[in-house]
Amino acid sequence: MFFYLEPEVAGGIGPHSELHREDGRLVVTRLNYQFDGWLWMRSALETPPR
């Protein structure tokens, strides 16, 4: 099973990721993606309550 992820905020592969090469392809068995920010948090904090 394959997944293609497109995060909406910057970040990178975290230290707990497990990667290896298989037949010239990069295979990720465990992904630990560390986000550099969080979009909803900014908009939630800037929007006044109704």
PDB file of N, CA and C in Angstrom:
ATOM      1  N   MET A   1       0.845  -1.165   0.000  1.00  0.00           N
ATOM      2  CA  MET A   1       0.000   0.000   0.000  1.00  0.00           C
ATOM      3  C   MET A   1       0.898   1.238   0.000  1.00  0.00           C
ATOM      4  N   PHE A   2       0.559   2.219  -0.814  1.00  0.00           N
ATOM      5  CA  PHE A   2       1.353   3.436  -0.929  1.00  0.00           C
ATOM      6  C   PHE A   2       0.506   4.642  -0.558  1.00  0.00           C
ATOM      7  N   PHE A   3       1.148   5.618   0.051  1.00  0.00           N
ATOM      8  CA  PHE A   3       0.498   6.882   0.376  1.00  0.00           C
ATOM      9  C   PHE A   3       1.390   8.006  -0.113  1.00  0.00           C
ATOM     10  N   TYR A   4       0.794   9.063  -0.631  1.00  0.00           N
ATOM     11  CA  TYR A   4       1.529  10.245  -1.047  1.00  0.00           C
ATOM     12  C   TYR A   4       1.063  11.387  -0.166  1.00  0.00           C
ATOM     13  N   LEU A   5       1.958  11.932   0.632  1.00  0.00           N
ATOM     14  CA  LEU A   5       1.608  12.991   1.572  1.00  0.00           C
ATOM     15  C   LEU A   5       2.086  14.340   1.078  1.00  0.00           C
ATOM     16  N   GLU A   6       1.239  15.345   1.190  1.00  0.00           N
ATOM     17  CA  GLU A   6       1.603  16.719   0.857  1.00  0.00           C
ATOM     18  C   GLU A   6       1.246  17.607   2.044  1.00  0.00           C
ATOM     19  N   PRO A   7       2.151  17.755   3.005  1.00  0.00           N
ATOM     20  CA  PRO A   7       1.847  18.600   4.161  1.00  0.00           C
ATOM     21  C   PRO A   7       1.682  20.060   3.745  1.00  0.00           C
ATOM     22  N   GLU A   8       0.820  20.775   4.453  1.00  0.00           N
ATOM     23  CA  GLU A   8       0.558  22.175   4.136  1.00  0.00           C
ATOM     24  C   GLU A   8       1.466  23.128   4.896  1.00  0.00           C
ATOM     25  N   VAL A   9       2.298  22.609   5.755  1.00  0.00           N
ATOM     26  CA  VAL A   9       3.267  23.435   6.474  1.00  0.00           C
ATOM     27  C   VAL A   9       4.646  22.804   6.320  1.00  0.00           C
ATOM     28  N   ALA A  10       5.662  23.614   6.518  1.00  0.00           N
ATOM     29  CA  ALA A  10       7.031  23.110   6.385  1.00  0.00           C
ATOM     30  C   ALA A  10       7.362  22.153   7.520  1.00  0.00           C
ATOM     31  N   GLY A  11       8.300  21.293   7.255  1.00  0.00           N
ATOM     32  CA  GLY A  11       8.748  20.337   8.258  1.00  0.00           C
ATOM     33  C   GLY A  11       9.774  19.419   7.637  1.00  0.00           C
ATOM     34  N   GLY A  12       9.994  18.294   8.260  1.00  0.00           N
ATOM     35  CA  GLY A  12      10.964  17.356   7.726  1.00  0.00           C
ATOM     36  C   GLY A  12      10.870  16.001   8.387  1.00  0.00           C
ATOM     37  N   ILE A  13      11.691  15.091   7.907  1.00  0.00           N
ATOM     38  CA  ILE A  13      11.708  13.733   8.421  1.00  0.00           C
ATOM     39  C   ILE A  13      12.324  13.736   9.813  1.00  0.00           C
ATOM     40  N   GLY A  14      11.592  13.185  10.768  1.00  0.00           N
ATOM     41  CA  GLY A  14      12.037  13.157  12.157  1.00  0.00           C
ATOM     42  C   GLY A  14      12.990  12.014  12.450  1.00  0.00           C
ATOM     43  N   PRO A  15      13.587  12.023  13.627  1.00  0.00           N
ATOM     44  CA  PRO A  15      14.606  11.041  13.988  1.00  0.00           C
ATOM     45  C   PRO A  15      14.077   9.624  14.169  1.00  0.00           C
ATOM     46  N   HIS A  16      12.783   9.443  14.317  1.00  0.00           N
ATOM     47  CA  HIS A  16      12.225   8.109  14.539  1.00  0.00           C
ATOM     48  C   HIS A  16      11.724   7.465  13.246  1.00  0.00           C
ATOM     49  N   SER A  17      12.060   8.055  12.103  1.00  0.00           N
ATOM     50  CA  SER A  17      11.680   7.479  10.813  1.00  0.00           C
ATOM     51  C   SER A  17      12.571   6.290  10.491  1.00  0.00           C
ATOM     52  N   GLU A  18      12.017   5.335   9.746  1.00  0.00           N
ATOM     53  CA  GLU A  18      12.777   4.169   9.298  1.00  0.00           C
ATOM     54  C   GLU A  18      12.734   4.133   7.778  1.00  0.00           C
ATOM     55  N   LEU A  19      13.907   4.311   7.149  1.00  0.00           N
ATOM     56  CA  LEU A  19      14.019   4.370   5.693  1.00  0.00           C
ATOM     57  C   LEU A  19      15.092   3.398   5.229  1.00  0.00           C
ATOM     58  N   HIS A  20      14.903   2.836   4.035  1.00  0.00           N
ATOM     59  CA  HIS A  20      15.944   2.022   3.418  1.00  0.00           C
ATOM     60  C   HIS A  20      15.739   2.014   1.906  1.00  0.00           C
ATOM     61  N   ARG A  21      16.756   1.620   1.176  1.00  0.00           N
ATOM     62  CA  ARG A  21      16.678   1.544  -0.287  1.00  0.00           C
ATOM     63  C   ARG A  21      16.394   0.107  -0.697  1.00  0.00           C
ATOM     64  N   GLU A  22      15.496  -0.035  -1.659  1.00  0.00           N
ATOM     65  CA  GLU A  22      15.125  -1.345  -2.175  1.00  0.00           C
ATOM     66  C   GLU A  22      14.960  -1.219  -3.686  1.00  0.00           C
ATOM     67  N   ASP A  23      15.800  -1.913  -4.432  1.00  0.00           N
ATOM     68  CA  ASP A  23      15.779  -1.848  -5.902  1.00  0.00           C
ATOM     69  C   ASP A  23      15.909  -0.414  -6.410  1.00  0.00           C
ATOM     70  N   GLY A  24      16.721   0.389  -5.753  1.00  0.00           N
ATOM     71  CA  GLY A  24      16.955   1.760  -6.179  1.00  0.00           C
ATOM     72  C   GLY A  24      15.900   2.753  -5.714  1.00  0.00           C
ATOM     73  N   ARG A  25      14.863   2.271  -5.032  1.00  0.00           N
ATOM     74  CA  ARG A  25      13.806   3.163  -4.542  1.00  0.00           C
ATOM     75  C   ARG A  25      13.953   3.368  -3.042  1.00  0.00           C
ATOM     76  N   LEU A  26      13.531   4.512  -2.581  1.00  0.00           N
ATOM     77  CA  LEU A  26      13.533   4.786  -1.146  1.00  0.00           C
ATOM     78  C   LEU A  26      12.242   4.221  -0.560  1.00  0.00           C
ATOM     79  N   VAL A  27      12.357   3.348   0.415  1.00  0.00           N
ATOM     80  CA  VAL A  27      11.199   2.733   1.062  1.00  0.00           C
ATOM     81  C   VAL A  27      11.124   3.249   2.495  1.00  0.00           C
ATOM     82  N   VAL A  28       9.966   3.765   2.863  1.00  0.00           N
ATOM     83  CA  VAL A  28       9.743   4.284   4.212  1.00  0.00           C
ATOM     84  C   VAL A  28       8.841   3.296   4.943  1.00  0.00           C
ATOM     85  N   THR A  29       9.358   2.662   5.979  1.00  0.00           N
ATOM     86  CA  THR A  29       8.543   1.726   6.752  1.00  0.00           C
ATOM     87  C   THR A  29       7.902   2.408   7.957  1.00  0.00           C
ATOM     88  N   ARG A  30       8.503   3.488   8.415  1.00  0.00           N
ATOM     89  CA  ARG A  30       7.917   4.275   9.501  1.00  0.00           C
ATOM     90  C   ARG A  30       8.280   5.735   9.260  1.00  0.00           C
ATOM     91  N   LEU A  31       7.263   6.599   9.242  1.00  0.00           N
ATOM     92  CA  LEU A  31       7.508   8.021   9.010  1.00  0.00           C
ATOM     93  C   LEU A  31       7.193   8.810  10.266  1.00  0.00           C
ATOM     94  N   ASN A  32       8.168   9.564  10.714  1.00  0.00           N
ATOM     95  CA  ASN A  32       8.005  10.489  11.827  1.00  0.00           C
ATOM     96  C   ASN A  32       8.244  11.875  11.241  1.00  0.00           C
ATOM     97  N   TYR A  33       7.161  12.563  10.863  1.00  0.00           N
ATOM     98  CA  TYR A  33       7.265  13.881  10.236  1.00  0.00           C
ATOM     99  C   TYR A  33       7.106  14.937  11.317  1.00  0.00           C
ATOM    100  N   GLN A  34       8.071  15.829  11.416  1.00  0.00           N
ATOM    101  CA  GLN A  34       8.007  16.884  12.422  1.00  0.00           C
ATOM    102  C   GLN A  34       7.645  18.200  11.745  1.00  0.00           C
ATOM    103  N   PHE A  35       6.496  18.748  12.126  1.00  0.00           N
ATOM    104  CA  PHE A  35       6.001  19.991  11.549  1.00  0.00           C
ATOM    105  C   PHE A  35       6.724  21.187  12.154  1.00  0.00           C
ATOM    106  N   ASP A  36       6.972  22.194  11.318  1.00  0.00           N
ATOM    107  CA  ASP A  36       7.586  23.438  11.791  1.00  0.00           C
ATOM    108  C   ASP A  36       6.535  24.456  12.220  1.00  0.00           C
ATOM    109  N   GLY A  37       5.276  24.173  11.955  1.00  0.00           N
ATOM    110  CA  GLY A  37       4.194  25.082  12.306  1.00  0.00           C
ATOM    111  C   GLY A  37       2.874  24.344  12.272  1.00  0.00           C
ATOM    112  N   TRP A  38       1.794  25.066  12.496  1.00  0.00           N
ATOM    113  CA  TRP A  38       0.470  24.453  12.508  1.00  0.00           C
ATOM    114  C   TRP A  38      -0.510  25.519  12.044  1.00  0.00           C
ATOM    115  N   LEU A  39      -1.116  25.328  10.865  1.00  0.00           N
ATOM    116  CA  LEU A  39      -1.945  26.366  10.255  1.00  0.00           C
ATOM    117  C   LEU A  39      -3.185  26.728  11.066  1.00  0.00           C
ATOM    118  N   TRP A  40      -3.931  25.759  11.522  1.00  0.00           N
ATOM    119  CA  TRP A  40      -5.195  26.068  12.191  1.00  0.00           C
ATOM    120  C   TRP A  40      -4.988  26.831  13.485  1.00  0.00           C
ATOM    121  N   MET A  41      -3.876  26.618  14.123  1.00  0.00           N
ATOM    122  CA  MET A  41      -3.625  27.275  15.397  1.00  0.00           C
ATOM    123  C   MET A  41      -3.553  28.791  15.218  1.00  0.00           C
ATOM    124  N   ARG A  42      -2.856  29.226  14.182  1.00  0.00           N
ATOM    125  CA  ARG A  42      -2.719  30.662  13.943  1.00  0.00           C
ATOM    126  C   ARG A  42      -4.085  31.282  13.668  1.00  0.00           C
ATOM    127  N   SER A  43      -4.870  30.676  12.777  1.00  0.00           N
ATOM    128  CA  SER A  43      -6.166  31.253  12.438  1.00  0.00           C
ATOM    129  C   SER A  43      -7.132  31.166  13.621  1.00  0.00           C
ATOM    130  N   ALA A  44      -7.037  30.113  14.422  1.00  0.00           N
ATOM    131  CA  ALA A  44      -7.918  29.983  15.585  1.00  0.00           C
ATOM    132  C   ALA A  44      -7.603  31.052  16.625  1.00  0.00           C
ATOM    133  N   LEU A  45      -6.338  31.381  16.777  1.00  0.00           N
ATOM    134  CA  LEU A  45      -5.956  32.375  17.775  1.00  0.00           C
ATOM    135  C   LEU A  45      -6.228  33.799  17.313  1.00  0.00           C
ATOM    136  N   GLU A  46      -6.246  34.036  15.999  1.00  0.00           N
ATOM    137  CA  GLU A  46      -6.457  35.382  15.478  1.00  0.00           C
ATOM    138  C   GLU A  46      -7.926  35.701  15.244  1.00  0.00           C
ATOM    139  N   THR A  47      -8.779  34.689  15.225  1.00  0.00           N
ATOM    140  CA  THR A  47     -10.194  34.904  14.950  1.00  0.00           C
ATOM    141  C   THR A  47     -10.935  35.173  16.258  1.00  0.00           C
ATOM    142  N   PRO A  48     -11.602  36.316  16.371  1.00  0.00           N
ATOM    143  CA  PRO A  48     -12.345  36.597  17.609  1.00  0.00           C
ATOM    144  C   PRO A  48     -13.564  35.673  17.726  1.00  0.00           C
ATOM    145  N   PRO A  49     -13.960  35.315  18.934  1.00  0.00           N
ATOM    146  CA  PRO A  49     -15.140  34.458  19.119  1.00  0.00           C
ATOM    147  C   PRO A  49     -16.404  35.180  18.685  1.00  0.00           C
ATOM    148  N   ARG A  50     -17.384  34.416  18.254  1.00  0.00           N
ATOM    149  CA  ARG A  50     -18.661  35.016  17.807  1.00  0.00           C
ATOM    150  C   ARG A  50     -19.703  34.945  18.876  1.00  0.00           C
TER     151      ARG A  50
END
